[in-house]
Amino acid sequence: MPHCIIEYTRDLEERIDIKNLINVAFEAIEGSGLFDKTAIKGRAIAFDIYKSGQDRDDYIHVKMRILSGRTPDQKKQLSTLVLNALKPHVGDTKSLTVEIIDMDIESYGKSIAE
């Protein structure tokens, strides 16, 4: 854990290296000191259909799904760290947001093949 999911409007692929965004986010998460490197997972999802109330619709929204138990300060630190790491790599993208989502540790299941 955590899962870092970068959602973005597909039109950004013409201007931004999405694979690089995953690498930058991964490094920021690892640098937070909150997680073991082997537990971090990243992926990106493009949206073809979207709408925003802004004057332009392009956006990047990062969801960080983490197991519950981190303090509000730790979650804010993580959010700020990822946001600041990504900013230099998103060009003039209209909106960049980061959301930290707690997953209930009591009900979370996991199986890893050996």
Protein backbone atom coordinates (compact mmCIF):
# COMPACT_ATOMS: atom_id res chain seq x y z
CA MET A 1 0.00 0.00 0.00
CA PRO A 2 -0.56 2.75 -1.16
CA HIS A 3 -2.27 2.76 -4.53
CA CYS A 4 -1.61 5.94 -6.50
CA ILE A 5 -4.17 6.40 -9.27
CA ILE A 6 -3.62 9.32 -11.63
CA GLU A 7 -6.80 10.22 -13.49
CA TYR A 8 -6.46 12.66 -16.37
CA THR A 9 -8.19 13.97 -19.46
CA ARG A 10 -6.88 12.14 -22.51
CA ASP A 11 -6.10 15.38 -24.36
CA LEU A 12 -3.20 15.92 -21.95
CA GLU A 13 -1.31 13.01 -23.54
CA GLU A 14 -0.35 15.42 -26.35
CA ARG A 15 1.42 17.75 -23.88
CA ILE A 16 2.46 15.68 -20.87
CA ASP A 17 4.49 12.51 -20.36
CA ILE A 18 2.00 10.52 -18.29
CA LYS A 19 4.45 7.69 -17.59
CA ASN A 20 6.81 10.28 -16.12
CA LEU A 21 4.01 11.50 -13.83
CA ILE A 22 3.69 8.01 -12.41
CA ASN A 23 7.46 7.89 -11.79
CA VAL A 24 7.48 11.33 -10.16
CA ALA A 25 4.52 10.46 -7.92
CA PHE A 26 6.12 7.13 -7.00
CA GLU A 27 9.35 8.85 -5.96
CA ALA A 28 7.46 11.44 -3.90
CA ILE A 29 5.47 8.74 -2.12
CA GLU A 30 8.64 6.78 -1.40
CA GLY A 31 10.33 9.96 -0.18
CA SER A 32 7.53 10.60 2.31
CA GLY A 33 8.94 7.87 4.55
CA LEU A 34 5.41 6.62 5.24
CA PHE A 35 5.54 3.50 3.06
CA ASP A 36 7.87 0.69 2.06
CA LYS A 37 8.90 1.01 -1.59
CA THR A 38 7.80 -2.56 -2.34
CA ALA A 39 4.23 -1.71 -1.30
CA ILE A 40 3.73 1.32 -3.57
CA LYS A 41 1.63 0.82 -6.70
CA GLY A 42 0.95 3.41 -9.39
CA ARG A 43 -1.26 3.59 -12.45
CA ALA A 44 -2.89 6.13 -14.72
CA ILE A 45 -6.36 6.23 -16.20
CA ALA A 46 -7.32 8.49 -19.10
CA PHE A 47 -10.84 9.82 -19.53
CA ASP A 48 -12.31 10.44 -22.96
CA ILE A 49 -15.58 11.91 -21.75
CA TYR A 50 -15.54 14.61 -19.07
CA LYS A 51 -16.90 18.03 -18.18
CA SER A 52 -15.78 20.76 -15.83
CA GLY A 53 -17.23 24.09 -14.79
CA GLN A 54 -13.89 25.75 -15.56
CA ASP A 55 -13.15 27.69 -18.73
CA ARG A 56 -11.08 24.67 -19.82
CA ASP A 57 -11.85 21.06 -18.99
CA ASP A 58 -8.36 19.52 -18.74
CA TYR A 59 -7.39 18.17 -15.34
CA ILE A 60 -5.28 15.70 -13.40
CA HIS A 61 -6.67 14.19 -10.21
CA VAL A 62 -4.49 11.93 -8.08
CA LYS A 63 -6.17 9.46 -5.74
CA MET A 64 -3.96 8.03 -3.01
CA ARG A 65 -5.65 5.00 -1.49
CA ILE A 66 -3.88 4.14 1.78
CA LEU A 67 -4.64 1.82 4.66
CA SER A 68 -6.30 3.61 7.57
CA GLY A 69 -4.23 4.56 10.59
CA ARG A 70 -2.21 7.56 9.35
CA THR A 71 -2.70 10.85 11.16
CA PRO A 72 -4.32 13.87 9.49
CA ASP A 73 -0.91 15.57 9.50
CA GLN A 74 0.73 12.60 7.75
CA LYS A 75 -2.02 12.57 5.11
CA LYS A 76 -1.70 16.32 4.54
CA GLN A 77 2.09 15.96 4.28
CA LEU A 78 1.67 13.19 1.69
CA SER A 79 -0.86 15.18 -0.32
CA THR A 80 1.34 18.28 -0.35
CA LEU A 81 4.45 16.29 -1.23
CA VAL A 82 2.81 14.61 -4.24
CA LEU A 83 1.14 17.83 -5.40
CA ASN A 84 4.40 19.80 -5.26
CA ALA A 85 6.35 17.02 -6.97
CA LEU A 86 3.89 16.85 -9.88
CA LYS A 87 3.40 20.60 -10.44
CA PRO A 88 6.57 21.13 -12.53
CA HIS A 89 5.56 18.27 -14.84
CA VAL A 90 1.99 19.21 -15.76
CA GLY A 91 2.60 22.31 -17.88
CA ASP A 92 -0.43 24.57 -18.11
CA THR A 93 -2.95 21.89 -17.10
CA LYS A 94 -5.98 23.74 -15.77
CA SER A 95 -6.41 21.73 -12.56
CA LEU A 96 -4.15 19.44 -10.51
CA THR A 97 -5.61 17.90 -7.37
CA VAL A 98 -4.58 15.21 -4.87
CA GLU A 99 -6.97 13.24 -2.66
CA ILE A 100 -6.01 10.91 0.20
CA ILE A 101 -8.52 8.08 0.72
CA ASP A 102 -8.42 5.82 3.77
CA MET A 103 -9.12 2.14 3.18
CA ASP A 104 -10.41 0.28 6.23
CA ILE A 105 -7.49 -1.82 7.48
CA GLU A 106 -9.87 -4.23 9.24
CA SER A 107 -11.65 -5.26 6.04
CA TYR A 108 -8.80 -4.98 3.54
CA GLY A 109 -7.78 -8.29 1.96
CA LYS A 110 -4.63 -9.15 0.05
CA SER A 111 -3.08 -12.21 -1.61
CA ILE A 112 0.42 -12.26 -3.05
CA ALA A 113 1.71 -15.11 -5.23
CA GLU A 114 5.08 -16.53 -4.30
